Amino acid sequence: MGKNRMTSQRLKILEYLRSVKTHPTAEMVYKAVSRDLPAITLATVYRNLNLLAEQGQILRFEIGKEYRFDGDTCCHQHFVCTKCGKLIDIFNKKLSEQAMKSVDSEEFFPKSVRIIFYGTCKKCKKKGE
């Protein structure tokens, strides 16, 4: 029962993630949240992030062998720069809807889709020119 209870620590983590658009790592979340909750540990942040992701309250991505987190669970896609690791949101609801409609299977009935584009961001592309 305690794992499903919204503790003050879990709430502070969730509030922080919903207030930023940067897709932080657990360490970044810890650094930000520990300003208001100095007694919180990195292990507690990891545990709560994983629980929130399992409950569907946040999104968790593995990018470059590290987890990044997103407090925005609405229908959207992501773009990852393969050079610098930058992760940004793309809001194209029709794209996700089309992907869901295109699944033609009698064996599988999808309820959601996660689309991640990989490429080069504008800043890295400019550096390479």
N, C-alpha and C. Protein backbone atom coordinates (compact mmCIF):
# COMPACT_ATOMS: atom_id res chain seq x y z
N MET A 1 0.81 -1.20 0.00
CA MET A 1 0.00 0.00 0.00
C MET A 1 0.85 1.26 0.00
N GLY A 2 1.96 1.30 0.75
CA GLY A 2 2.79 2.48 0.85
C GLY A 2 3.38 2.91 -0.48
N LYS A 3 3.63 1.98 -1.38
CA LYS A 3 4.23 2.32 -2.67
C LYS A 3 3.29 3.15 -3.54
N ASN A 4 2.00 3.01 -3.34
CA ASN A 4 1.05 3.75 -4.15
C ASN A 4 0.66 5.08 -3.54
N ARG A 5 1.04 5.29 -2.29
CA ARG A 5 0.72 6.53 -1.60
C ARG A 5 1.61 7.64 -2.16
N MET A 6 1.04 8.82 -2.37
CA MET A 6 1.80 9.95 -2.90
C MET A 6 2.52 10.63 -1.74
N THR A 7 3.76 10.24 -1.52
CA THR A 7 4.56 10.83 -0.44
C THR A 7 4.97 12.25 -0.83
N SER A 8 5.43 13.01 0.13
CA SER A 8 5.86 14.38 -0.16
C SER A 8 7.08 14.37 -1.09
N GLN A 9 7.94 13.38 -0.93
CA GLN A 9 9.11 13.28 -1.80
C GLN A 9 8.69 12.96 -3.24
N ARG A 10 7.79 12.00 -3.39
CA ARG A 10 7.31 11.61 -4.72
C ARG A 10 6.59 12.79 -5.38
N LEU A 11 5.79 13.50 -4.61
CA LEU A 11 5.07 14.65 -5.13
C LEU A 11 6.04 15.73 -5.60
N LYS A 12 7.08 16.00 -4.83
CA LYS A 12 8.07 17.02 -5.19
C LYS A 12 8.80 16.62 -6.48
N ILE A 13 9.12 15.35 -6.63
CA ILE A 13 9.77 14.85 -7.85
C ILE A 13 8.84 15.02 -9.05
N LEU A 14 7.58 14.65 -8.88
CA LEU A 14 6.60 14.77 -9.95
C LEU A 14 6.38 16.24 -10.33
N GLU A 15 6.25 17.10 -9.34
CA GLU A 15 6.08 18.53 -9.60
C GLU A 15 7.27 19.10 -10.38
N TYR A 16 8.47 18.69 -9.98
CA TYR A 16 9.66 19.17 -10.69
C TYR A 16 9.64 18.72 -12.15
N LEU A 17 9.38 17.44 -12.39
CA LEU A 17 9.37 16.93 -13.76
C LEU A 17 8.31 17.60 -14.62
N ARG A 18 7.19 17.92 -14.03
CA ARG A 18 6.13 18.57 -14.81
C ARG A 18 6.41 20.06 -15.04
N SER A 19 7.39 20.60 -14.32
CA SER A 19 7.71 22.03 -14.46
C SER A 19 8.84 22.29 -15.46
N VAL A 20 9.54 21.23 -15.91
CA VAL A 20 10.67 21.42 -16.82
C VAL A 20 10.40 20.74 -18.16
N LYS A 21 11.09 21.17 -19.17
CA LYS A 21 10.96 20.59 -20.51
C LYS A 21 12.28 19.98 -20.97
N THR A 22 13.16 19.68 -20.02
CA THR A 22 14.53 19.29 -20.36
C THR A 22 14.81 17.79 -20.33
N HIS A 23 13.88 16.97 -19.91
CA HIS A 23 14.08 15.52 -19.83
C HIS A 23 15.33 15.17 -19.00
N PRO A 24 15.32 15.51 -17.73
CA PRO A 24 16.50 15.33 -16.89
C PRO A 24 16.80 13.87 -16.55
N THR A 25 18.05 13.65 -16.13
CA THR A 25 18.47 12.36 -15.59
C THR A 25 18.06 12.31 -14.12
N ALA A 26 18.18 11.16 -13.50
CA ALA A 26 17.87 11.03 -12.08
C ALA A 26 18.76 11.94 -11.23
N GLU A 27 20.02 12.05 -11.63
CA GLU A 27 20.95 12.90 -10.89
C GLU A 27 20.53 14.37 -10.96
N MET A 28 20.03 14.79 -12.13
CA MET A 28 19.56 16.17 -12.28
C MET A 28 18.31 16.41 -11.42
N VAL A 29 17.43 15.43 -11.39
CA VAL A 29 16.22 15.53 -10.57
C VAL A 29 16.63 15.62 -9.10
N TYR A 30 17.55 14.76 -8.69
CA TYR A 30 18.04 14.77 -7.31
C TYR A 30 18.60 16.13 -6.92
N LYS A 31 19.43 16.69 -7.79
CA LYS A 31 20.05 17.99 -7.50
C LYS A 31 18.99 19.08 -7.33
N ALA A 32 17.98 19.07 -8.19
CA ALA A 32 16.92 20.08 -8.12
C ALA A 32 16.03 19.89 -6.90
N VAL A 33 15.62 18.66 -6.64
CA VAL A 33 14.68 18.37 -5.55
C VAL A 33 15.35 18.50 -4.19
N SER A 34 16.62 18.20 -4.11
CA SER A 34 17.32 18.25 -2.82
C SER A 34 17.44 19.67 -2.28
N ARG A 35 17.24 20.68 -3.13
CA ARG A 35 17.25 22.07 -2.64
C ARG A 35 16.10 22.29 -1.65
N ASP A 36 14.94 21.69 -1.97
CA ASP A 36 13.77 21.82 -1.10
C ASP A 36 13.69 20.70 -0.06
N LEU A 37 14.27 19.56 -0.39
CA LEU A 37 14.25 18.39 0.51
C LEU A 37 15.68 17.92 0.74
N PRO A 38 16.45 18.61 1.58
CA PRO A 38 17.87 18.28 1.76
C PRO A 38 18.13 16.87 2.28
N ALA A 39 17.15 16.24 2.92
CA ALA A 39 17.37 14.89 3.46
C ALA A 39 17.12 13.79 2.43
N ILE A 40 16.62 14.14 1.25
CA ILE A 40 16.33 13.12 0.24
C ILE A 40 17.64 12.53 -0.28
N THR A 41 17.62 11.24 -0.59
CA THR A 41 18.81 10.58 -1.11
C THR A 41 18.63 10.30 -2.60
N LEU A 42 19.75 10.09 -3.26
CA LEU A 42 19.71 9.75 -4.69
C LEU A 42 18.97 8.43 -4.89
N ALA A 43 19.15 7.49 -3.98
CA ALA A 43 18.44 6.20 -4.08
C ALA A 43 16.93 6.40 -4.01
N THR A 44 16.48 7.30 -3.15
CA THR A 44 15.05 7.59 -3.04
C THR A 44 14.52 8.20 -4.33
N VAL A 45 15.31 9.08 -4.94
CA VAL A 45 14.90 9.69 -6.20
C VAL A 45 14.78 8.60 -7.27
N TYR A 46 15.78 7.74 -7.39
CA TYR A 46 15.73 6.64 -8.37
C TYR A 46 14.49 5.77 -8.14
N ARG A 47 14.27 5.38 -6.91
CA ARG A 47 13.14 4.50 -6.57
C ARG A 47 11.81 5.15 -6.96
N ASN A 48 11.65 6.43 -6.64
CA ASN A 48 10.42 7.13 -6.95
C ASN A 48 10.25 7.38 -8.44
N LEU A 49 11.32 7.70 -9.14
CA LEU A 49 11.24 7.88 -10.59
C LEU A 49 10.79 6.59 -11.26
N ASN A 50 11.37 5.48 -10.85
CA ASN A 50 10.99 4.19 -11.44
C ASN A 50 9.55 3.83 -11.13
N LEU A 51 9.10 4.10 -9.92
CA LEU A 51 7.71 3.83 -9.56
C LEU A 51 6.75 4.71 -10.35
N LEU A 52 7.07 6.00 -10.47
CA LEU A 52 6.22 6.91 -11.24
C LEU A 52 6.15 6.48 -12.71
N ALA A 53 7.27 6.00 -13.25
CA ALA A 53 7.28 5.52 -14.63
C ALA A 53 6.44 4.25 -14.77
N GLU A 54 6.57 3.33 -13.82
CA GLU A 54 5.78 2.09 -13.86
C GLU A 54 4.29 2.39 -13.76
N GLN A 55 3.92 3.42 -13.01
CA GLN A 55 2.52 3.80 -12.85
C GLN A 55 2.00 4.61 -14.03
N GLY A 56 2.89 5.00 -14.94
CA GLY A 56 2.47 5.78 -16.10
C GLY A 56 2.30 7.26 -15.82
N GLN A 57 2.81 7.73 -14.68
CA GLN A 57 2.68 9.15 -14.35
C GLN A 57 3.77 10.01 -14.99
N ILE A 58 4.88 9.35 -15.39
CA ILE A 58 5.96 10.02 -16.12
C ILE A 58 6.45 9.06 -17.20
N LEU A 59 7.25 9.57 -18.12
CA LEU A 59 7.87 8.74 -19.15
C LEU A 59 9.34 8.55 -18.81
N ARG A 60 9.88 7.37 -19.14
CA ARG A 60 11.29 7.07 -18.91
C ARG A 60 11.88 6.59 -20.24
N PHE A 61 13.01 7.17 -20.63
CA PHE A 61 13.70 6.81 -21.86
C PHE A 61 15.13 6.41 -21.55
N GLU A 62 15.62 5.41 -22.24
CA GLU A 62 17.04 5.09 -22.13
C GLU A 62 17.73 5.67 -23.35
N ILE A 63 18.52 6.70 -23.12
CA ILE A 63 19.23 7.40 -24.19
C ILE A 63 20.71 7.37 -23.85
N GLY A 64 21.50 6.76 -24.72
CA GLY A 64 22.95 6.72 -24.49
C GLY A 64 23.32 6.06 -23.18
N LYS A 65 22.67 4.98 -22.85
CA LYS A 65 22.94 4.18 -21.65
C LYS A 65 22.63 4.90 -20.33
N GLU A 66 21.76 5.91 -20.38
CA GLU A 66 21.29 6.53 -19.15
C GLU A 66 19.80 6.83 -19.31
N TYR A 67 19.10 6.82 -18.20
CA TYR A 67 17.67 7.10 -18.23
C TYR A 67 17.42 8.59 -18.16
N ARG A 68 16.45 9.04 -18.95
CA ARG A 68 15.97 10.41 -18.94
C ARG A 68 14.48 10.35 -18.66
N PHE A 69 13.93 11.39 -18.04
CA PHE A 69 12.55 11.36 -17.57
C PHE A 69 11.77 12.56 -18.11
N ASP A 70 10.49 12.33 -18.35
CA ASP A 70 9.60 13.35 -18.91
C ASP A 70 8.31 13.35 -18.11
N GLY A 71 7.96 14.50 -17.55
CA GLY A 71 6.73 14.62 -16.78
C GLY A 71 5.49 14.83 -17.63
N ASP A 72 5.68 15.02 -18.93
CA ASP A 72 4.56 15.25 -19.85
C ASP A 72 4.17 13.92 -20.50
N THR A 73 3.05 13.37 -20.08
CA THR A 73 2.62 12.07 -20.60
C THR A 73 1.57 12.19 -21.70
N CYS A 74 1.29 13.43 -22.14
CA CYS A 74 0.33 13.58 -23.23
C CYS A 74 0.92 12.99 -24.51
N CYS A 75 0.08 12.82 -25.50
CA CYS A 75 0.49 12.23 -26.77
C CYS A 75 1.49 13.14 -27.48
N HIS A 76 2.76 12.73 -27.51
CA HIS A 76 3.78 13.47 -28.25
C HIS A 76 4.95 12.56 -28.57
N GLN A 77 5.82 13.04 -29.43
CA GLN A 77 6.98 12.27 -29.88
C GLN A 77 8.25 12.97 -29.37
N HIS A 78 9.37 12.32 -29.62
CA HIS A 78 10.65 12.87 -29.18
C HIS A 78 11.68 12.80 -30.29
N PHE A 79 12.63 13.71 -30.23
CA PHE A 79 13.76 13.73 -31.14
C PHE A 79 15.03 13.67 -30.29
N VAL A 80 15.95 12.76 -30.65
CA VAL A 80 17.21 12.61 -29.93
C VAL A 80 18.36 12.91 -30.88
N CYS A 81 19.22 13.84 -30.49
CA CYS A 81 20.41 14.13 -31.27
C CYS A 81 21.44 13.06 -30.97
N THR A 82 21.90 12.37 -31.99
CA THR A 82 22.86 11.29 -31.81
C THR A 82 24.27 11.80 -31.54
N LYS A 83 24.48 13.10 -31.69
CA LYS A 83 25.81 13.66 -31.42
C LYS A 83 25.93 14.18 -29.99
N CYS A 84 24.96 15.00 -29.55
CA CYS A 84 25.07 15.61 -28.22
C CYS A 84 24.11 15.01 -27.19
N GLY A 85 23.14 14.19 -27.64
CA GLY A 85 22.20 13.56 -26.71
C GLY A 85 21.01 14.42 -26.36
N LYS A 86 20.89 15.59 -26.96
CA LYS A 86 19.75 16.46 -26.68
C LYS A 86 18.45 15.73 -27.00
N LEU A 87 17.47 15.89 -26.12
CA LEU A 87 16.17 15.23 -26.26
C LEU A 87 15.10 16.32 -26.22
N ILE A 88 14.31 16.41 -27.31
CA ILE A 88 13.27 17.44 -27.35
C ILE A 88 11.93 16.82 -27.68
N ASP A 89 10.88 17.54 -27.30
CA ASP A 89 9.51 17.12 -27.58
C ASP A 89 9.08 17.57 -28.96
N ILE A 90 8.26 16.75 -29.59
CA ILE A 90 7.59 17.10 -30.83
C ILE A 90 6.12 16.82 -30.61
N PHE A 91 5.29 17.81 -30.85
CA PHE A 91 3.86 17.64 -30.61
C PHE A 91 3.12 17.55 -31.94
N ASN A 92 2.92 16.31 -32.39
CA ASN A 92 2.20 16.04 -33.63
C ASN A 92 1.26 14.87 -33.36
N LYS A 93 0.09 15.19 -32.83
CA LYS A 93 -0.88 14.17 -32.43
C LYS A 93 -1.26 13.25 -33.59
N LYS A 94 -1.37 13.82 -34.78
CA LYS A 94 -1.76 13.03 -35.96
C LYS A 94 -0.74 11.94 -36.27
N LEU A 95 0.52 12.22 -36.02
CA LEU A 95 1.58 11.24 -36.27
C LEU A 95 1.38 9.99 -35.41
N SER A 96 1.11 10.19 -34.13
CA SER A 96 0.88 9.05 -33.23
C SER A 96 -0.42 8.34 -33.57
N GLU A 97 -1.46 9.11 -33.90
CA GLU A 97 -2.74 8.50 -34.28
C GLU A 97 -2.58 7.64 -35.52
N GLN A 98 -1.83 8.14 -36.51
CA GLN A 98 -1.61 7.37 -37.74
C GLN A 98 -0.83 6.09 -37.46
N ALA A 99 0.15 6.18 -36.59
CA ALA A 99 0.93 4.98 -36.24
C ALA A 99 0.04 3.93 -35.58
N MET A 100 -0.87 4.38 -34.71
CA MET A 100 -1.79 3.45 -34.04
C MET A 100 -2.74 2.81 -35.05
N LYS A 101 -3.25 3.60 -35.99
CA LYS A 101 -4.19 3.08 -36.99
C LYS A 101 -3.51 2.12 -37.95
N SER A 102 -2.22 2.29 -38.17
CA SER A 102 -1.52 1.48 -39.17
C SER A 102 -1.20 0.07 -38.68
N VAL A 103 -1.38 -0.20 -37.41
CA VAL A 103 -1.14 -1.54 -36.89
C VAL A 103 -2.31 -2.42 -37.33
N ASP A 104 -1.99 -3.38 -38.18
CA ASP A 104 -3.02 -4.26 -38.73
C ASP A 104 -2.71 -5.69 -38.26
N SER A 105 -3.29 -6.04 -37.13
CA SER A 105 -3.01 -7.35 -36.57
C SER A 105 -4.21 -7.88 -35.82
N GLU A 106 -4.47 -9.14 -35.99
CA GLU A 106 -5.53 -9.78 -35.21
C GLU A 106 -4.96 -10.37 -33.92
N GLU A 107 -3.65 -10.31 -33.77
CA GLU A 107 -2.95 -10.88 -32.62
C GLU A 107 -2.60 -9.83 -31.57
N PHE A 108 -2.63 -8.55 -31.98
CA PHE A 108 -2.10 -7.50 -31.12
C PHE A 108 -3.01 -6.29 -31.20
N PHE A 109 -3.34 -5.71 -30.05
CA PHE A 109 -4.23 -4.55 -29.98
C PHE A 109 -3.54 -3.45 -29.18
N PRO A 110 -2.85 -2.54 -29.87
CA PRO A 110 -2.08 -1.50 -29.16
C PRO A 110 -2.96 -0.50 -28.44
N LYS A 111 -2.45 -0.01 -27.32
CA LYS A 111 -3.16 1.05 -26.59
C LYS A 111 -2.37 2.35 -26.57
N SER A 112 -1.09 2.28 -26.91
CA SER A 112 -0.28 3.49 -26.99
C SER A 112 0.91 3.24 -27.91
N VAL A 113 1.56 4.33 -28.29
CA VAL A 113 2.75 4.24 -29.14
C VAL A 113 3.76 5.27 -28.65
N ARG A 114 5.03 4.92 -28.75
CA ARG A 114 6.11 5.85 -28.41
C ARG A 114 6.99 5.99 -29.63
N ILE A 115 7.09 7.21 -30.15
CA ILE A 115 7.88 7.46 -31.35
C ILE A 115 9.07 8.33 -30.97
N ILE A 116 10.27 7.85 -31.32
CA ILE A 116 11.49 8.59 -31.06
C ILE A 116 12.25 8.70 -32.38
N PHE A 117 12.53 9.92 -32.80
CA PHE A 117 13.32 10.17 -33.99
C PHE A 117 14.77 10.38 -33.56
N TYR A 118 15.70 9.82 -34.32
CA TYR A 118 17.12 10.00 -34.06
C TYR A 118 17.75 10.75 -35.23
N GLY A 119 18.62 11.68 -34.94
CA GLY A 119 19.28 12.45 -35.99
C GLY A 119 20.19 13.47 -35.36
N THR A 120 20.37 14.59 -36.05
CA THR A 120 21.27 15.63 -35.60
C THR A 120 20.50 16.92 -35.34
N CYS A 121 20.72 17.52 -34.18
CA CYS A 121 20.06 18.79 -33.87
C CYS A 121 20.70 19.92 -34.67
N LYS A 122 20.02 21.04 -34.70
CA LYS A 122 20.47 22.20 -35.47
C LYS A 122 21.86 22.66 -35.05
N LYS A 123 22.11 22.69 -33.73
CA LYS A 123 23.40 23.16 -33.20
C LYS A 123 24.55 22.25 -33.65
N CYS A 124 24.33 20.92 -33.53
CA CYS A 124 25.38 19.97 -33.93
C CYS A 124 25.59 19.96 -35.44
N LYS A 125 24.51 20.12 -36.18
CA LYS A 125 24.61 20.16 -37.65
C LYS A 125 25.44 21.36 -38.08
N LYS A 126 25.20 22.48 -37.40
CA LYS A 126 25.94 23.71 -37.72
C LYS A 126 27.43 23.53 -37.41
N LYS A 127 27.74 22.86 -36.30
CA LYS A 127 29.15 22.61 -35.91
C LYS A 127 29.84 21.74 -36.95
N GLY A 128 29.11 20.81 -37.56
CA GLY A 128 29.67 19.86 -38.52
C GLY A 128 29.88 20.45 -39.90
N GLU A 129 29.28 21.61 -40.17
CA GLU A 129 29.40 22.20 -41.52
C GLU A 129 30.71 22.91 -41.70
